Amino acid sequence: MLRALAVDDERPSLEELLYLLNADPRIGSVEGAGDATEALRRMNRALESGPNGPEAIDVVFLDINMPGLDGLDLARLLTGFAKPPLVVFVTAHEDFAVQAFDLKAVDYVLKPVRKERLAEAVRRTAERLDAAPRIPVHEPDPDHIPVELGGVTRFVAVDDITHVEAQGDYARLHTDRGSHLVRIPLSTLEERWRSRGFVRIHRRHLVALRHVGELRLDAGTVSVLVGGEELQVSRRHTRELRDLLMRRP
């Protein structure tokens, strides 16, 4: 299933192209852009997502005659991507075919677009992608989590993490050797590490049961000692935490 982006500054032409692409069963998803600038913003999201990510784009169906950056200019910019999308030019002008194929375009479709001719371009695109070497999808290592430190990626063992602290959309991982900030919400880590003995004790804290040294009760306030740090336990999480600690091997 191809993930496509259609680019045309003329709204009727763009809507017709989107309609025809949506009707092709080989197109899994298609988005539209009204000019090269909008298309570049969308492609930058695809670049950040990675070739296997949810924002990836496989092929761009691209008009040539557009204000500002034209289609040929945009295609040249896309060749600078680490893994550029395939390009199919869809244009009313016959004169640019040589430049288009110099840019390794998959096809050159003339307007008005016929359904059968566009289907042939989609077929060629699918064949080109099938012939390309596949980029392996690497499953994340469940025993480690990558963290950035001074431009270097390091892998912290999950078993070394004593507790996790929410900081907005980020989470701070605490270990005996220090802490690391990762761009993962606390709720995501709670779900991911529940089976590894991590439990929520507060809206801001997640603790590893194996690292809980003491459970303290003082004037109705409950806290735990984790990694040498005392953390408050909210009332709604107290009973679950006590039950889990009692059952802990």
C-alpha atoms as a PDB file:
ATOM      1  CA  MET A   1       0.000   0.000   0.000  1.00  0.00           C
ATOM      2  CA  LEU A   2       1.571   3.246  -1.160  1.00  0.00           C
ATOM      3  CA  ARG A   3       1.637   6.404   0.947  1.00  0.00           C
ATOM      4  CA  ALA A   4       1.286   9.317  -1.457  1.00  0.00           C
ATOM      5  CA  LEU A   5       1.445  13.102  -1.554  1.00  0.00           C
ATOM      6  CA  ALA A   6      -0.183  15.040  -4.421  1.00  0.00           C
ATOM      7  CA  VAL A   7       1.071  18.572  -5.118  1.00  0.00           C
ATOM      8  CA  ASP A   8      -0.745  21.039  -7.403  1.00  0.00           C
ATOM      9  CA  ASP A   9      -1.435  24.750  -7.003  1.00  0.00           C
ATOM     10  CA  GLU A  10      -4.724  24.534  -8.977  1.00  0.00           C
ATOM     11  CA  ARG A  11      -7.403  23.359  -6.563  1.00  0.00           C
ATOM     12  CA  PRO A  12      -9.661  21.604  -9.106  1.00  0.00           C
ATOM     13  CA  SER A  13      -6.711  19.670 -10.529  1.00  0.00           C
ATOM     14  CA  LEU A  14      -5.529  18.708  -7.042  1.00  0.00           C
ATOM     15  CA  GLU A  15      -8.984  17.500  -6.007  1.00  0.00           C
ATOM     16  CA  GLU A  16      -9.344  15.431  -9.174  1.00  0.00           C
ATOM     17  CA  LEU A  17      -5.921  13.872  -8.642  1.00  0.00           C
ATOM     18  CA  LEU A  18      -6.731  13.074  -5.011  1.00  0.00           C
ATOM     19  CA  TYR A  19     -10.035  11.500  -6.087  1.00  0.00           C
ATOM     20  CA  LEU A  20      -8.367   9.261  -8.670  1.00  0.00           C
ATOM     21  CA  LEU A  21      -5.575   8.213  -6.307  1.00  0.00           C
ATOM     22  CA  ASN A  22      -8.012   7.422  -3.512  1.00  0.00           C
ATOM     23  CA  ALA A  23      -9.900   5.157  -5.918  1.00  0.00           C
ATOM     24  CA  ASP A  24      -6.787   3.079  -6.639  1.00  0.00           C
ATOM     25  CA  PRO A  25      -6.594   0.067  -4.280  1.00  0.00           C
ATOM     26  CA  ARG A  26      -2.787   0.216  -4.279  1.00  0.00           C
ATOM     27  CA  ILE A  27      -2.848   3.644  -2.597  1.00  0.00           C
ATOM     28  CA  GLY A  28      -3.077   3.236   1.151  1.00  0.00           C
ATOM     29  CA  SER A  29      -3.172   6.944   1.977  1.00  0.00           C
ATOM     30  CA  VAL A  30      -2.881  10.193   0.032  1.00  0.00           C
ATOM     31  CA  GLU A  31      -2.597  13.819   1.135  1.00  0.00           C
ATOM     32  CA  GLY A  32      -2.710  17.038  -0.855  1.00  0.00           C
ATOM     33  CA  ALA A  33      -0.512  20.144  -0.891  1.00  0.00           C
ATOM     34  CA  GLY A  34      -1.272  23.389  -2.708  1.00  0.00           C
ATOM     35  CA  ASP A  35       2.321  24.477  -3.357  1.00  0.00           C
ATOM     36  CA  ALA A  36       5.945  23.399  -2.997  1.00  0.00           C
ATOM     37  CA  THR A  37       6.380  25.107   0.372  1.00  0.00           C
ATOM     38  CA  GLU A  38       3.482  23.185   1.895  1.00  0.00           C
ATOM     39  CA  ALA A  39       4.805  19.987   0.311  1.00  0.00           C
ATOM     40  CA  LEU A  40       8.268  20.556   1.800  1.00  0.00           C
ATOM     41  CA  ARG A  41       6.795  21.019   5.275  1.00  0.00           C
ATOM     42  CA  ARG A  42       4.967  17.724   4.859  1.00  0.00           C
ATOM     43  CA  MET A  43       8.104  15.992   3.577  1.00  0.00           C
ATOM     44  CA  ASN A  44      10.127  17.300   6.511  1.00  0.00           C
ATOM     45  CA  ARG A  45       7.657  15.555   8.824  1.00  0.00           C
ATOM     46  CA  ALA A  46       8.187  12.405   6.778  1.00  0.00           C
ATOM     47  CA  LEU A  47      11.953  12.801   7.115  1.00  0.00           C
ATOM     48  CA  GLU A  48      11.703  13.159  10.900  1.00  0.00           C
ATOM     49  CA  SER A  49       9.396  10.128  11.077  1.00  0.00           C
ATOM     50  CA  GLY A  50      11.850   7.913   9.179  1.00  0.00           C
ATOM     51  CA  PRO A  51      11.225   5.588   6.208  1.00  0.00           C
ATOM     52  CA  ASN A  52       9.200   3.192   8.320  1.00  0.00           C
ATOM     53  CA  GLY A  53       7.464   5.804  10.470  1.00  0.00           C
ATOM     54  CA  PRO A  54       3.797   6.813  10.523  1.00  0.00           C
ATOM     55  CA  GLU A  55       4.461  10.062   8.610  1.00  0.00           C
ATOM     56  CA  ALA A  56       6.476   8.446   5.772  1.00  0.00           C
ATOM     57  CA  ILE A  57       5.720   9.221   2.116  1.00  0.00           C
ATOM     58  CA  ASP A  58       6.550   6.730  -0.661  1.00  0.00           C
ATOM     59  CA  VAL A  59       5.685   8.778  -3.738  1.00  0.00           C
ATOM     60  CA  VAL A  60       4.951  12.391  -4.683  1.00  0.00           C
ATOM     61  CA  PHE A  61       2.625  13.146  -7.605  1.00  0.00           C
ATOM     62  CA  LEU A  62       3.940  16.520  -8.622  1.00  0.00           C
ATOM     63  CA  ASP A  63       2.773  19.331 -10.887  1.00  0.00           C
ATOM     64  CA  ILE A  64       5.529  21.315 -12.604  1.00  0.00           C
ATOM     65  CA  ASN A  65       4.183  24.801 -13.307  1.00  0.00           C
ATOM     66  CA  MET A  66       3.656  26.308  -9.839  1.00  0.00           C
ATOM     67  CA  PRO A  67       4.398  29.765  -8.367  1.00  0.00           C
ATOM     68  CA  GLY A  68       7.578  30.117  -6.337  1.00  0.00           C
ATOM     69  CA  LEU A  69       9.367  26.794  -6.342  1.00  0.00           C
ATOM     70  CA  ASP A  70       8.162  24.816  -9.332  1.00  0.00           C
ATOM     71  CA  GLY A  71       7.862  21.055  -9.469  1.00  0.00           C
ATOM     72  CA  LEU A  72      11.326  20.508 -10.907  1.00  0.00           C
ATOM     73  CA  ASP A  73      12.878  22.630  -8.154  1.00  0.00           C
ATOM     74  CA  LEU A  74      10.998  20.643  -5.518  1.00  0.00           C
ATOM     75  CA  ALA A  75      12.078  17.337  -7.055  1.00  0.00           C
ATOM     76  CA  ARG A  76      15.722  18.465  -6.938  1.00  0.00           C
ATOM     77  CA  LEU A  77      15.351  19.327  -3.264  1.00  0.00           C
ATOM     78  CA  LEU A  78      13.826  15.931  -2.528  1.00  0.00           C
ATOM     79  CA  THR A  79      16.874  14.177  -3.993  1.00  0.00           C
ATOM     80  CA  GLY A  80      18.821  15.541  -1.013  1.00  0.00           C
ATOM     81  CA  PHE A  81      16.760  13.448   1.414  1.00  0.00           C
ATOM     82  CA  ALA A  82      18.461  10.407   2.923  1.00  0.00           C
ATOM     83  CA  LYS A  83      15.727   8.243   1.401  1.00  0.00           C
ATOM     84  CA  PRO A  84      13.884  10.435  -1.118  1.00  0.00           C
ATOM     85  CA  PRO A  85      10.362   9.555  -2.185  1.00  0.00           C
ATOM     86  CA  LEU A  86       9.667   8.465  -5.718  1.00  0.00           C
ATOM     87  CA  VAL A  87       8.340  11.195  -8.004  1.00  0.00           C
ATOM     88  CA  VAL A  88       5.633  11.071 -10.668  1.00  0.00           C
ATOM     89  CA  PHE A  89       5.178  14.319 -12.588  1.00  0.00           C
ATOM     90  CA  VAL A  90       1.584  15.235 -13.457  1.00  0.00           C
ATOM     91  CA  THR A  91       1.589  18.243 -15.766  1.00  0.00           C
ATOM     92  CA  ALA A  92      -0.064  19.934 -18.730  1.00  0.00           C
ATOM     93  CA  HIS A  93       3.347  20.638 -20.316  1.00  0.00           C
ATOM     94  CA  GLU A  94       5.190  18.182 -22.555  1.00  0.00           C
ATOM     95  CA  ASP A  95       8.394  20.232 -22.678  1.00  0.00           C
ATOM     96  CA  PHE A  96       9.935  19.138 -19.373  1.00  0.00           C
ATOM     97  CA  ALA A  97      10.002  15.369 -19.837  1.00  0.00           C
ATOM     98  CA  VAL A  98      13.778  15.229 -20.376  1.00  0.00           C
ATOM     99  CA  GLN A  99      14.505  17.185 -17.172  1.00  0.00           C
ATOM    100  CA  ALA A 100      11.971  15.072 -15.309  1.00  0.00           C
ATOM    101  CA  PHE A 101      13.585  11.775 -16.227  1.00  0.00           C
ATOM    102  CA  ASP A 102      17.037  13.244 -15.535  1.00  0.00           C
ATOM    103  CA  LEU A 103      15.702  13.588 -11.984  1.00  0.00           C
ATOM    104  CA  LYS A 104      14.869   9.851 -12.068  1.00  0.00           C
ATOM    105  CA  ALA A 105      11.116  10.395 -12.153  1.00  0.00           C
ATOM    106  CA  VAL A 106       9.119   7.180 -12.248  1.00  0.00           C
ATOM    107  CA  ASP A 107       6.633   8.531 -14.794  1.00  0.00           C
ATOM    108  CA  TYR A 108       5.439  11.642 -16.597  1.00  0.00           C
ATOM    109  CA  VAL A 109       1.648  11.927 -16.809  1.00  0.00           C
ATOM    110  CA  LEU A 110       0.036  14.592 -18.984  1.00  0.00           C
ATOM    111  CA  LYS A 111      -3.114  16.479 -18.066  1.00  0.00           C
ATOM    112  CA  PRO A 112      -6.022  16.042 -18.401  1.00  0.00           C
ATOM    113  CA  VAL A 113      -5.310  12.958 -16.320  1.00  0.00           C
ATOM    114  CA  ARG A 114      -6.954   9.755 -17.489  1.00  0.00           C
ATOM    115  CA  LYS A 115      -7.742   7.120 -14.886  1.00  0.00           C
ATOM    116  CA  GLU A 116      -6.019   4.355 -16.880  1.00  0.00           C
ATOM    117  CA  ARG A 117      -2.864   6.429 -17.404  1.00  0.00           C
ATOM    118  CA  LEU A 118      -2.605   7.322 -13.718  1.00  0.00           C
ATOM    119  CA  ALA A 119      -3.138   3.665 -12.798  1.00  0.00           C
ATOM    120  CA  GLU A 120      -0.139   2.799 -14.975  1.00  0.00           C
ATOM    121  CA  ALA A 121       1.974   5.362 -13.090  1.00  0.00           C
ATOM    122  CA  VAL A 122       0.888   3.835  -9.794  1.00  0.00           C
ATOM    123  CA  ARG A 123       1.791   0.356 -11.089  1.00  0.00           C
ATOM    124  CA  ARG A 124       5.272   1.535 -12.093  1.00  0.00           C
ATOM    125  CA  THR A 125       5.716   3.163  -8.702  1.00  0.00           C
ATOM    126  CA  ALA A 126       4.721  -0.015  -6.876  1.00  0.00           C
ATOM    127  CA  GLU A 127       7.110  -2.083  -9.004  1.00  0.00           C
ATOM    128  CA  ARG A 128       9.965   0.360  -8.320  1.00  0.00           C
ATOM    129  CA  LEU A 129       9.356   0.134  -4.582  1.00  0.00           C
ATOM    130  CA  ASP A 130       9.114  -3.653  -4.663  1.00  0.00           C
ATOM    131  CA  ALA A 131      12.464  -3.811  -6.423  1.00  0.00           C
ATOM    132  CA  ALA A 132      14.173  -1.516  -3.897  1.00  0.00           C
ATOM    133  CA  PRO A 133      16.064  -3.103  -0.986  1.00  0.00           C
ATOM    134  CA  ARG A 134      13.985  -3.134   2.141  1.00  0.00           C
ATOM    135  CA  ILE A 135      15.073  -1.136   5.195  1.00  0.00           C
ATOM    136  CA  PRO A 136      14.878  -3.460   8.188  1.00  0.00           C
ATOM    137  CA  VAL A 137      12.592  -2.484  11.032  1.00  0.00           C
ATOM    138  CA  HIS A 138      14.502  -2.833  14.277  1.00  0.00           C
ATOM    139  CA  GLU A 139      12.438  -3.726  17.288  1.00  0.00           C
ATOM    140  CA  PRO A 140      13.326  -1.704  20.383  1.00  0.00           C
ATOM    141  CA  ASP A 141      15.433  -3.449  22.999  1.00  0.00           C
ATOM    142  CA  PRO A 142      13.052  -4.070  25.938  1.00  0.00           C
ATOM    143  CA  ASP A 143      15.956  -4.239  28.424  1.00  0.00           C
ATOM    144  CA  HIS A 144      17.466  -0.840  27.569  1.00  0.00           C
ATOM    145  CA  ILE A 145      16.269   2.646  26.719  1.00  0.00           C
ATOM    146  CA  PRO A 146      18.285   5.074  24.540  1.00  0.00           C
ATOM    147  CA  VAL A 147      19.167   8.456  26.039  1.00  0.00           C
ATOM    148  CA  GLU A 148      21.015  11.427  24.540  1.00  0.00           C
ATOM    149  CA  LEU A 149      24.008  12.755  26.434  1.00  0.00           C
ATOM    150  CA  GLY A 150      26.192  15.434  24.879  1.00  0.00           C
ATOM    151  CA  GLY A 151      25.337  14.354  21.345  1.00  0.00           C
ATOM    152  CA  VAL A 152      26.040  10.705  22.128  1.00  0.00           C
ATOM    153  CA  THR A 153      23.327   8.059  22.364  1.00  0.00           C
ATOM    154  CA  ARG A 154      23.729   5.761  25.329  1.00  0.00           C
ATOM    155  CA  PHE A 155      21.617   2.820  26.402  1.00  0.00           C
ATOM    156  CA  VAL A 156      20.458   2.715  30.013  1.00  0.00           C
ATOM    157  CA  ALA A 157      19.451  -0.652  31.443  1.00  0.00           C
ATOM    158  CA  VAL A 158      15.822  -0.584  32.579  1.00  0.00           C
ATOM    159  CA  ASP A 159      16.771  -2.658  35.642  1.00  0.00           C
ATOM    160  CA  ASP A 160      19.092   0.173  36.754  1.00  0.00           C
ATOM    161  CA  ILE A 161      16.285   2.750  36.807  1.00  0.00           C
ATOM    162  CA  THR A 162      15.071   3.376  40.368  1.00  0.00           C
ATOM    163  CA  HIS A 163      12.241   5.777  39.545  1.00  0.00           C
ATOM    164  CA  VAL A 164      10.882   8.054  36.836  1.00  0.00           C
ATOM    165  CA  GLU A 165       9.762  11.654  37.247  1.00  0.00           C
ATOM    166  CA  ALA A 166       7.297  13.423  34.928  1.00  0.00           C
ATOM    167  CA  GLN A 167       8.489  16.715  33.445  1.00  0.00           C
ATOM    168  CA  GLY A 168       5.803  17.855  31.007  1.00  0.00           C
ATOM    169  CA  ASP A 169       5.965  15.778  27.836  1.00  0.00           C
ATOM    170  CA  TYR A 170       9.334  14.456  29.033  1.00  0.00           C
ATOM    171  CA  ALA A 171      10.337  11.977  31.712  1.00  0.00           C
ATOM    172  CA  ARG A 172      13.481  11.992  33.857  1.00  0.00           C
ATOM    173  CA  LEU A 173      14.961   8.554  34.465  1.00  0.00           C
ATOM    174  CA  HIS A 174      16.792   8.247  37.784  1.00  0.00           C
ATOM    175  CA  THR A 175      19.545   5.698  38.403  1.00  0.00           C
ATOM    176  CA  ASP A 176      22.200   5.337  41.095  1.00  0.00           C
ATOM    177  CA  ARG A 177      24.668   7.003  38.702  1.00  0.00           C
ATOM    178  CA  GLY A 178      22.566  10.022  37.744  1.00  0.00           C
ATOM    179  CA  SER A 179      19.499  10.984  35.728  1.00  0.00           C
ATOM    180  CA  HIS A 180      18.560  11.243  32.064  1.00  0.00           C
ATOM    181  CA  LEU A 181      15.798  13.179  30.309  1.00  0.00           C
ATOM    182  CA  VAL A 182      13.855  11.408  27.551  1.00  0.00           C
ATOM    183  CA  ARG A 183      11.011  12.695  25.388  1.00  0.00           C
ATOM    184  CA  ILE A 184       8.495  10.054  26.452  1.00  0.00           C
ATOM    185  CA  PRO A 185       5.399  10.788  28.572  1.00  0.00           C
ATOM    186  CA  LEU A 186       5.259   9.137  31.986  1.00  0.00           C
ATOM    187  CA  SER A 187       1.990   7.394  31.038  1.00  0.00           C
ATOM    188  CA  THR A 188       3.742   5.665  28.124  1.00  0.00           C
ATOM    189  CA  LEU A 189       6.522   4.352  30.353  1.00  0.00           C
ATOM    190  CA  GLU A 190       3.953   3.246  32.933  1.00  0.00           C
ATOM    191  CA  GLU A 191       2.221   1.100  30.328  1.00  0.00           C
ATOM    192  CA  ARG A 192       5.461  -0.159  28.781  1.00  0.00           C
ATOM    193  CA  TRP A 193       7.155  -1.108  32.073  1.00  0.00           C
ATOM    194  CA  ARG A 194       4.218  -2.338  34.155  1.00  0.00           C
ATOM    195  CA  SER A 195       5.245  -5.954  33.565  1.00  0.00           C
ATOM    196  CA  ARG A 196       8.790  -5.097  34.678  1.00  0.00           C
ATOM    197  CA  GLY A 197       7.697  -4.066  38.176  1.00  0.00           C
ATOM    198  CA  PHE A 198       7.183  -0.324  37.738  1.00  0.00           C
ATOM    199  CA  VAL A 199       4.175   1.167  39.480  1.00  0.00           C
ATOM    200  CA  ARG A 200       2.669   4.654  39.628  1.00  0.00           C
ATOM    201  CA  ILE A 201       2.749   6.157  43.138  1.00  0.00           C
ATOM    202  CA  HIS A 202       1.880   9.742  42.245  1.00  0.00           C
ATOM    203  CA  ARG A 203       0.878  11.723  39.178  1.00  0.00           C
ATOM    204  CA  ARG A 204       4.527  12.725  38.880  1.00  0.00           C
ATOM    205  CA  HIS A 205       6.327   9.529  39.868  1.00  0.00           C
ATOM    206  CA  LEU A 206       6.758   5.961  38.719  1.00  0.00           C
ATOM    207  CA  VAL A 207       8.918   3.664  40.869  1.00  0.00           C
ATOM    208  CA  ALA A 208      10.609   0.300  40.364  1.00  0.00           C
ATOM    209  CA  LEU A 209       9.390  -2.009  43.131  1.00  0.00           C
ATOM    210  CA  ARG A 210      12.763  -3.765  43.271  1.00  0.00           C
ATOM    211  CA  HIS A 211      14.401  -0.486  44.307  1.00  0.00           C
ATOM    212  CA  VAL A 212      11.934   0.467  47.064  1.00  0.00           C
ATOM    213  CA  GLY A 213      13.879   0.286  50.327  1.00  0.00           C
ATOM    214  CA  GLU A 214      11.278   1.518  52.809  1.00  0.00           C
ATOM    215  CA  LEU A 215       7.591   2.355  53.060  1.00  0.00           C
ATOM    216  CA  ARG A 216       7.036   5.161  55.546  1.00  0.00           C
ATOM    217  CA  LEU A 217       3.884   6.383  57.304  1.00  0.00           C
ATOM    218  CA  ASP A 218       4.042   9.718  59.099  1.00  0.00           C
ATOM    219  CA  ALA A 219       0.938  11.569  60.338  1.00  0.00           C
ATOM    220  CA  GLY A 220      -1.212  10.072  57.594  1.00  0.00           C
ATOM    221  CA  THR A 221       1.336  10.794  54.877  1.00  0.00           C
ATOM    222  CA  VAL A 222       2.806   7.818  53.024  1.00  0.00           C
ATOM    223  CA  SER A 223       6.189   7.904  51.311  1.00  0.00           C
ATOM    224  CA  VAL A 224       8.772   5.486  49.961  1.00  0.00           C
ATOM    225  CA  LEU A 225      12.548   5.512  50.033  1.00  0.00           C
ATOM    226  CA  VAL A 226      13.855   4.809  46.522  1.00  0.00           C
ATOM    227  CA  GLY A 227      17.475   5.131  45.516  1.00  0.00           C
ATOM    228  CA  GLY A 228      18.210   7.249  48.563  1.00  0.00           C
ATOM    229  CA  GLU A 229      15.366   9.670  47.772  1.00  0.00           C
ATOM    230  CA  GLU A 230      12.087   9.956  49.653  1.00  0.00           C
ATOM    231  CA  LEU A 231       9.030  10.191  47.383  1.00  0.00           C
ATOM    232  CA  GLN A 232       5.462  10.939  48.422  1.00  0.00           C
ATOM    233  CA  VAL A 233       2.751   8.382  47.625  1.00  0.00           C
ATOM    234  CA  SER A 234      -0.665   9.790  46.758  1.00  0.00           C
ATOM    235  CA  ARG A 235      -3.669   8.464  48.669  1.00  0.00           C
ATOM    236  CA  ARG A 236      -5.237   6.843  45.604  1.00  0.00           C
ATOM    237  CA  HIS A 237      -2.098   4.766  44.954  1.00  0.00           C
ATOM    238  CA  THR A 238      -1.295   3.795  48.549  1.00  0.00           C
ATOM    239  CA  ARG A 239      -3.297   0.561  48.827  1.00  0.00           C
ATOM    240  CA  GLU A 240      -2.081  -0.830  45.494  1.00  0.00           C
ATOM    241  CA  LEU A 241       1.536  -0.037  46.357  1.00  0.00           C
ATOM    242  CA  ARG A 242       1.303  -1.678  49.780  1.00  0.00           C
ATOM    243  CA  ASP A 243      -0.279  -4.802  48.276  1.00  0.00           C
ATOM    244  CA  LEU A 244       2.414  -5.042  45.615  1.00  0.00           C
ATOM    245  CA  LEU A 245       5.208  -4.586  48.135  1.00  0.00           C
ATOM    246  CA  MET A 246       3.733  -7.273  50.399  1.00  0.00           C
ATOM    247  CA  ARG A 247       3.662  -9.718  47.509  1.00  0.00           C
ATOM    248  CA  ARG A 248       7.140  -8.767  46.315  1.00  0.00           C
ATOM    249  CA  PRO A 249       9.587 -11.729  46.418  1.00  0.00           C
END
